N, C-alpha and C. Protein backbone atom coordinates (compact mmCIF):
# COMPACT_ATOMS: atom_id res chain seq x y z
N MET A 1 29.41 -16.45 -14.36
CA MET A 1 29.29 -15.78 -13.09
C MET A 1 29.86 -16.69 -12.00
N PRO A 2 30.81 -16.21 -11.18
CA PRO A 2 31.40 -17.06 -10.14
C PRO A 2 30.40 -17.41 -9.05
N ASN A 3 30.60 -18.58 -8.48
CA ASN A 3 29.74 -19.03 -7.39
C ASN A 3 30.08 -18.22 -6.13
N SER A 4 29.12 -17.48 -5.61
CA SER A 4 29.37 -16.64 -4.43
C SER A 4 28.86 -17.28 -3.14
N ALA A 5 28.46 -18.55 -3.19
CA ALA A 5 27.99 -19.22 -1.98
C ALA A 5 29.15 -19.40 -1.01
N PRO A 6 28.93 -19.11 0.29
CA PRO A 6 30.02 -19.29 1.26
C PRO A 6 30.38 -20.77 1.45
N GLU A 7 31.61 -20.98 1.82
CA GLU A 7 32.10 -22.34 2.10
C GLU A 7 31.29 -22.92 3.25
N THR A 8 30.91 -24.17 3.16
CA THR A 8 30.14 -24.80 4.23
C THR A 8 31.01 -25.02 5.46
N LEU A 9 30.43 -24.86 6.62
CA LEU A 9 31.13 -25.08 7.89
C LEU A 9 30.67 -26.35 8.59
N VAL A 10 29.73 -27.06 8.00
CA VAL A 10 29.20 -28.27 8.61
C VAL A 10 30.34 -29.25 8.86
N GLY A 11 30.45 -29.73 10.09
CA GLY A 11 31.50 -30.67 10.46
C GLY A 11 32.80 -30.04 10.90
N ARG A 12 32.92 -28.71 10.79
CA ARG A 12 34.14 -27.99 11.18
C ARG A 12 34.05 -27.56 12.64
N THR A 13 35.17 -27.48 13.31
CA THR A 13 35.24 -26.93 14.67
C THR A 13 35.48 -25.43 14.55
N ILE A 14 34.72 -24.66 15.31
CA ILE A 14 34.85 -23.20 15.25
C ILE A 14 35.05 -22.63 16.65
N GLN A 15 35.47 -21.38 16.73
CA GLN A 15 35.56 -20.65 17.98
C GLN A 15 34.70 -19.41 17.87
N PHE A 16 34.07 -19.03 18.99
CA PHE A 16 33.25 -17.83 19.02
C PHE A 16 33.13 -17.37 20.47
N ARG A 17 32.72 -16.12 20.65
CA ARG A 17 32.59 -15.56 21.99
C ARG A 17 31.19 -15.81 22.55
N VAL A 18 31.11 -16.01 23.85
CA VAL A 18 29.82 -16.23 24.51
C VAL A 18 28.88 -15.06 24.25
N VAL A 19 29.41 -13.85 24.22
CA VAL A 19 28.58 -12.66 24.00
C VAL A 19 27.90 -12.69 22.63
N ASP A 20 28.43 -13.46 21.68
CA ASP A 20 27.87 -13.54 20.34
C ASP A 20 26.84 -14.66 20.16
N ILE A 21 26.56 -15.40 21.22
CA ILE A 21 25.60 -16.50 21.13
C ILE A 21 24.18 -15.97 21.17
N HIS A 22 23.34 -16.49 20.31
CA HIS A 22 21.91 -16.22 20.36
C HIS A 22 21.24 -17.49 20.88
N LEU A 23 20.60 -17.39 22.04
CA LEU A 23 19.90 -18.53 22.61
C LEU A 23 18.40 -18.26 22.55
N PRO A 24 17.68 -18.99 21.71
CA PRO A 24 16.24 -18.75 21.63
C PRO A 24 15.53 -18.90 22.98
N ASP A 25 15.99 -19.83 23.82
CA ASP A 25 15.40 -20.00 25.15
C ASP A 25 16.52 -20.24 26.15
N PRO A 26 17.17 -19.16 26.64
CA PRO A 26 18.32 -19.33 27.53
C PRO A 26 17.98 -19.99 28.86
N HIS A 27 16.71 -20.05 29.22
CA HIS A 27 16.32 -20.68 30.48
C HIS A 27 16.51 -22.19 30.46
N GLU A 28 16.71 -22.76 29.28
CA GLU A 28 16.92 -24.20 29.15
C GLU A 28 18.38 -24.60 29.31
N LEU A 29 19.30 -23.64 29.21
CA LEU A 29 20.72 -23.94 29.29
C LEU A 29 21.16 -24.08 30.74
N VAL A 30 21.82 -25.18 31.07
CA VAL A 30 22.33 -25.42 32.42
C VAL A 30 23.82 -25.74 32.30
N LEU A 31 24.64 -25.02 33.06
CA LEU A 31 26.07 -25.27 33.08
C LEU A 31 26.43 -26.04 34.33
N GLU A 32 27.56 -26.73 34.28
CA GLU A 32 28.06 -27.49 35.41
C GLU A 32 29.51 -27.12 35.62
N GLY A 33 29.89 -26.90 36.87
CA GLY A 33 31.27 -26.56 37.16
C GLY A 33 31.61 -26.84 38.61
N LYS A 34 32.88 -26.62 38.94
CA LYS A 34 33.40 -26.90 40.28
C LYS A 34 33.53 -25.59 41.04
N VAL A 35 32.98 -25.54 42.25
CA VAL A 35 33.11 -24.36 43.10
C VAL A 35 34.54 -24.30 43.63
N VAL A 36 35.21 -23.17 43.39
CA VAL A 36 36.59 -23.01 43.82
C VAL A 36 36.73 -21.98 44.94
N ASP A 37 35.67 -21.21 45.19
CA ASP A 37 35.69 -20.23 46.28
C ASP A 37 34.27 -19.79 46.56
N GLU A 38 34.02 -19.26 47.75
CA GLU A 38 32.71 -18.70 48.05
C GLU A 38 32.84 -17.54 49.00
N SER A 39 31.87 -16.63 48.91
CA SER A 39 31.90 -15.45 49.77
C SER A 39 31.37 -15.80 51.15
N ASP A 40 31.70 -14.95 52.13
CA ASP A 40 31.20 -15.16 53.49
C ASP A 40 29.91 -14.40 53.74
N GLY A 41 29.41 -13.72 52.75
CA GLY A 41 28.18 -12.97 52.89
C GLY A 41 28.41 -11.50 53.18
N GLY A 42 29.53 -11.15 53.78
CA GLY A 42 29.84 -9.76 54.07
C GLY A 42 28.74 -9.07 54.86
N CYS A 43 28.76 -7.77 54.84
CA CYS A 43 27.76 -7.01 55.61
C CYS A 43 26.39 -7.02 54.95
N GLU A 44 26.34 -7.30 53.66
CA GLU A 44 25.07 -7.32 52.94
C GLU A 44 24.35 -8.67 53.06
N GLY A 45 25.07 -9.70 53.45
CA GLY A 45 24.48 -11.02 53.62
C GLY A 45 24.30 -11.81 52.33
N ALA A 46 24.77 -11.27 51.18
CA ALA A 46 24.65 -11.98 49.91
C ALA A 46 25.78 -12.99 49.80
N HIS A 47 25.44 -14.19 49.43
CA HIS A 47 26.44 -15.26 49.29
C HIS A 47 26.61 -15.60 47.81
N PHE A 48 27.87 -15.67 47.38
CA PHE A 48 28.19 -16.00 45.99
C PHE A 48 29.24 -17.09 45.97
N VAL A 49 29.27 -17.86 44.88
CA VAL A 49 30.31 -18.86 44.68
C VAL A 49 31.05 -18.54 43.39
N VAL A 50 32.33 -18.88 43.36
CA VAL A 50 33.15 -18.76 42.16
C VAL A 50 33.26 -20.16 41.59
N VAL A 51 32.91 -20.30 40.31
CA VAL A 51 32.81 -21.62 39.69
C VAL A 51 33.72 -21.72 38.47
N GLU A 52 34.46 -22.81 38.37
CA GLU A 52 35.24 -23.12 37.17
C GLU A 52 34.38 -23.99 36.26
N VAL A 53 34.13 -23.48 35.06
CA VAL A 53 33.37 -24.20 34.05
C VAL A 53 34.32 -24.42 32.87
N SER A 54 34.42 -25.65 32.42
CA SER A 54 35.33 -25.96 31.32
C SER A 54 35.05 -25.08 30.11
N GLY A 55 36.10 -24.42 29.62
CA GLY A 55 35.99 -23.59 28.43
C GLY A 55 35.53 -22.17 28.67
N LEU A 56 35.24 -21.80 29.91
CA LEU A 56 34.80 -20.44 30.24
C LEU A 56 35.72 -19.84 31.30
N PRO A 57 35.75 -18.50 31.39
CA PRO A 57 36.44 -17.90 32.53
C PRO A 57 35.67 -18.23 33.80
N ARG A 58 36.28 -18.05 34.94
CA ARG A 58 35.57 -18.32 36.20
C ARG A 58 34.28 -17.52 36.26
N CYS A 59 33.23 -18.17 36.72
CA CYS A 59 31.91 -17.56 36.80
C CYS A 59 31.55 -17.28 38.26
N ILE A 60 30.82 -16.21 38.49
CA ILE A 60 30.32 -15.90 39.83
C ILE A 60 28.82 -16.10 39.81
N VAL A 61 28.33 -16.92 40.74
CA VAL A 61 26.91 -17.27 40.79
C VAL A 61 26.39 -17.02 42.20
N ALA A 62 25.22 -16.39 42.29
CA ALA A 62 24.57 -16.23 43.59
C ALA A 62 24.22 -17.61 44.13
N ARG A 63 24.54 -17.82 45.39
CA ARG A 63 24.33 -19.15 45.99
C ARG A 63 22.89 -19.63 45.86
N GLU A 64 21.93 -18.71 45.98
CA GLU A 64 20.53 -19.12 45.91
C GLU A 64 20.09 -19.52 44.49
N ARG A 65 20.95 -19.27 43.49
CA ARG A 65 20.64 -19.63 42.11
C ARG A 65 21.19 -20.99 41.71
N ILE A 66 21.91 -21.66 42.63
CA ILE A 66 22.42 -23.01 42.36
C ILE A 66 21.24 -23.97 42.26
N LEU A 67 21.18 -24.73 41.17
CA LEU A 67 20.07 -25.66 40.96
C LEU A 67 20.20 -26.90 41.82
N ARG A 68 21.40 -27.48 41.86
CA ARG A 68 21.64 -28.66 42.68
C ARG A 68 23.14 -28.89 42.80
N THR A 69 23.54 -29.69 43.76
CA THR A 69 24.94 -30.08 43.90
C THR A 69 25.06 -31.54 43.51
N LEU A 70 26.20 -31.89 42.96
CA LEU A 70 26.43 -33.26 42.49
C LEU A 70 27.44 -33.95 43.35
């Protein structure tokens, strides 16, 4: 009977989509990036920043959700 065990991936570099990630506790994950643009608040008064994070497309984050600046 042939061995049907899958090839091990330990030590290999892989690619996958962010949408396919399962995070048991996503509240523990913190990203860091550079702000490249920000909104003026517009008529609604909501302020957002556009952030470049290495390896991700540009992210939009509500200004009040920023944890800290470095």
